[in-house]
Amino acid sequence: MQIKNLLLDGIEKGEFSIANPELTAKTIVTILQGFEVPLMLKNLTDEEIQKSVDEMLNILFYGIVAKSTFSP
């Protein structure tokens, strides 16, 4: 699972503070799947979809970054 590996790497580097990386990875995948249909139904361009996904990922990942390393 790519997301789990990303989270484990971030934990190892001290960038993330996550108690349960496997559950967190599953939660991230579930959240992203929940956005698939609404994004497609809005008839957005590929560029608009990419911007929306990038923004959601920024919100998601900066929410789990250790506060001492937070710098958007």
C-alpha atoms as a PDB file:
ATOM      1  CA  MET A   1       0.000   0.000   0.000  1.00  0.00           C
ATOM      2  CA  GLN A   2       1.648   3.213  -1.221  1.00  0.00           C
ATOM      3  CA  ILE A   3      -0.021   5.555   1.252  1.00  0.00           C
ATOM      4  CA  LYS A   4       0.961   3.397   4.216  1.00  0.00           C
ATOM      5  CA  ASN A   5       4.584   3.394   3.018  1.00  0.00           C
ATOM      6  CA  LEU A   6       4.463   7.169   2.627  1.00  0.00           C
ATOM      7  CA  LEU A   7       3.164   7.517   6.176  1.00  0.00           C
ATOM      8  CA  LEU A   8       5.765   5.108   7.581  1.00  0.00           C
ATOM      9  CA  ASP A   9       8.529   7.029   5.823  1.00  0.00           C
ATOM     10  CA  GLY A  10       7.203  10.303   7.263  1.00  0.00           C
ATOM     11  CA  ILE A  11       7.065   8.802  10.757  1.00  0.00           C
ATOM     12  CA  GLU A  12      10.630   7.521  10.426  1.00  0.00           C
ATOM     13  CA  LYS A  13      11.817  10.993   9.363  1.00  0.00           C
ATOM     14  CA  GLY A  14       9.900  12.642  12.218  1.00  0.00           C
ATOM     15  CA  GLU A  15       7.608  14.508   9.817  1.00  0.00           C
ATOM     16  CA  PHE A  16       4.378  12.769  10.859  1.00  0.00           C
ATOM     17  CA  SER A  17       3.012  11.929  14.265  1.00  0.00           C
ATOM     18  CA  ILE A  18       0.638   9.012  13.669  1.00  0.00           C
ATOM     19  CA  ALA A  19      -0.332   6.371  16.220  1.00  0.00           C
ATOM     20  CA  ASN A  20      -1.739   3.832  13.729  1.00  0.00           C
ATOM     21  CA  PRO A  21      -0.328   4.243  10.194  1.00  0.00           C
ATOM     22  CA  GLU A  22      -2.282   1.327   8.709  1.00  0.00           C
ATOM     23  CA  LEU A  23      -5.630   2.673   9.905  1.00  0.00           C
ATOM     24  CA  THR A  24      -4.623   6.188   8.861  1.00  0.00           C
ATOM     25  CA  ALA A  25      -3.746   4.951   5.349  1.00  0.00           C
ATOM     26  CA  LYS A  26      -7.119   3.189   5.049  1.00  0.00           C
ATOM     27  CA  THR A  27      -8.865   6.356   6.236  1.00  0.00           C
ATOM     28  CA  ILE A  28      -7.042   8.487   3.657  1.00  0.00           C
ATOM     29  CA  VAL A  29      -8.025   6.104   0.856  1.00  0.00           C
ATOM     30  CA  THR A  30     -11.646   6.098   2.033  1.00  0.00           C
ATOM     31  CA  ILE A  31     -11.741   9.902   2.190  1.00  0.00           C
ATOM     32  CA  LEU A  32     -10.271  10.248  -1.297  1.00  0.00           C
ATOM     33  CA  GLN A  33     -12.723   7.696  -2.708  1.00  0.00           C
ATOM     34  CA  GLY A  34     -15.540   9.736  -1.234  1.00  0.00           C
ATOM     35  CA  PHE A  35     -14.483  12.702  -3.369  1.00  0.00           C
ATOM     36  CA  GLU A  36     -14.335  10.787  -6.669  1.00  0.00           C
ATOM     37  CA  VAL A  37     -18.002  10.963  -7.621  1.00  0.00           C
ATOM     38  CA  PRO A  38     -18.645  14.582  -6.546  1.00  0.00           C
ATOM     39  CA  LEU A  39     -15.590  15.762  -8.503  1.00  0.00           C
ATOM     40  CA  MET A  40     -16.700  13.901 -11.620  1.00  0.00           C
ATOM     41  CA  LEU A  41     -20.289  15.139 -11.399  1.00  0.00           C
ATOM     42  CA  LYS A  42     -19.193  18.790 -11.387  1.00  0.00           C
ATOM     43  CA  ASN A  43     -17.947  18.527 -14.986  1.00  0.00           C
ATOM     44  CA  LEU A  44     -14.602  20.048 -14.012  1.00  0.00           C
ATOM     45  CA  THR A  45     -11.645  20.242 -16.340  1.00  0.00           C
ATOM     46  CA  ASP A  46      -8.662  17.999 -15.657  1.00  0.00           C
ATOM     47  CA  GLU A  47      -6.786  21.045 -14.363  1.00  0.00           C
ATOM     48  CA  GLU A  48      -9.617  21.973 -11.969  1.00  0.00           C
ATOM     49  CA  ILE A  49      -9.802  18.389 -10.685  1.00  0.00           C
ATOM     50  CA  GLN A  50      -6.041  18.347 -10.117  1.00  0.00           C
ATOM     51  CA  LYS A  51      -6.197  21.644  -8.196  1.00  0.00           C
ATOM     52  CA  SER A  52      -9.049  20.331  -6.047  1.00  0.00           C
ATOM     53  CA  VAL A  53      -7.228  17.082  -5.296  1.00  0.00           C
ATOM     54  CA  ASP A  54      -3.985  18.947  -4.512  1.00  0.00           C
ATOM     55  CA  GLU A  55      -5.800  21.236  -2.092  1.00  0.00           C
ATOM     56  CA  MET A  56      -7.543  18.322  -0.365  1.00  0.00           C
ATOM     57  CA  LEU A  57      -4.218  16.509   0.001  1.00  0.00           C
ATOM     58  CA  ASN A  58      -2.583  19.632   1.450  1.00  0.00           C
ATOM     59  CA  ILE A  59      -5.330  19.925   4.035  1.00  0.00           C
ATOM     60  CA  LEU A  60      -5.189  16.222   4.795  1.00  0.00           C
ATOM     61  CA  PHE A  61      -1.422  15.940   5.128  1.00  0.00           C
ATOM     62  CA  TYR A  62      -0.737  19.197   6.928  1.00  0.00           C
ATOM     63  CA  GLY A  63      -3.310  18.074   9.450  1.00  0.00           C
ATOM     64  CA  ILE A  64      -1.049  15.145  10.440  1.00  0.00           C
ATOM     65  CA  VAL A  65       2.358  16.820  10.247  1.00  0.00           C
ATOM     66  CA  ALA A  66       4.070  17.242  13.587  1.00  0.00           C
ATOM     67  CA  LYS A  67       3.538  20.838  14.695  1.00  0.00           C
ATOM     68  CA  SER A  68       7.262  21.529  15.070  1.00  0.00           C
ATOM     69  CA  THR A  69       7.817  20.844  11.336  1.00  0.00           C
ATOM     70  CA  PHE A  70       4.712  22.571   9.990  1.00  0.00           C
ATOM     71  CA  SER A  71       5.546  24.968   7.156  1.00  0.00           C
ATOM     72  CA  PRO A  72       3.097  25.143   4.256  1.00  0.00           C
END
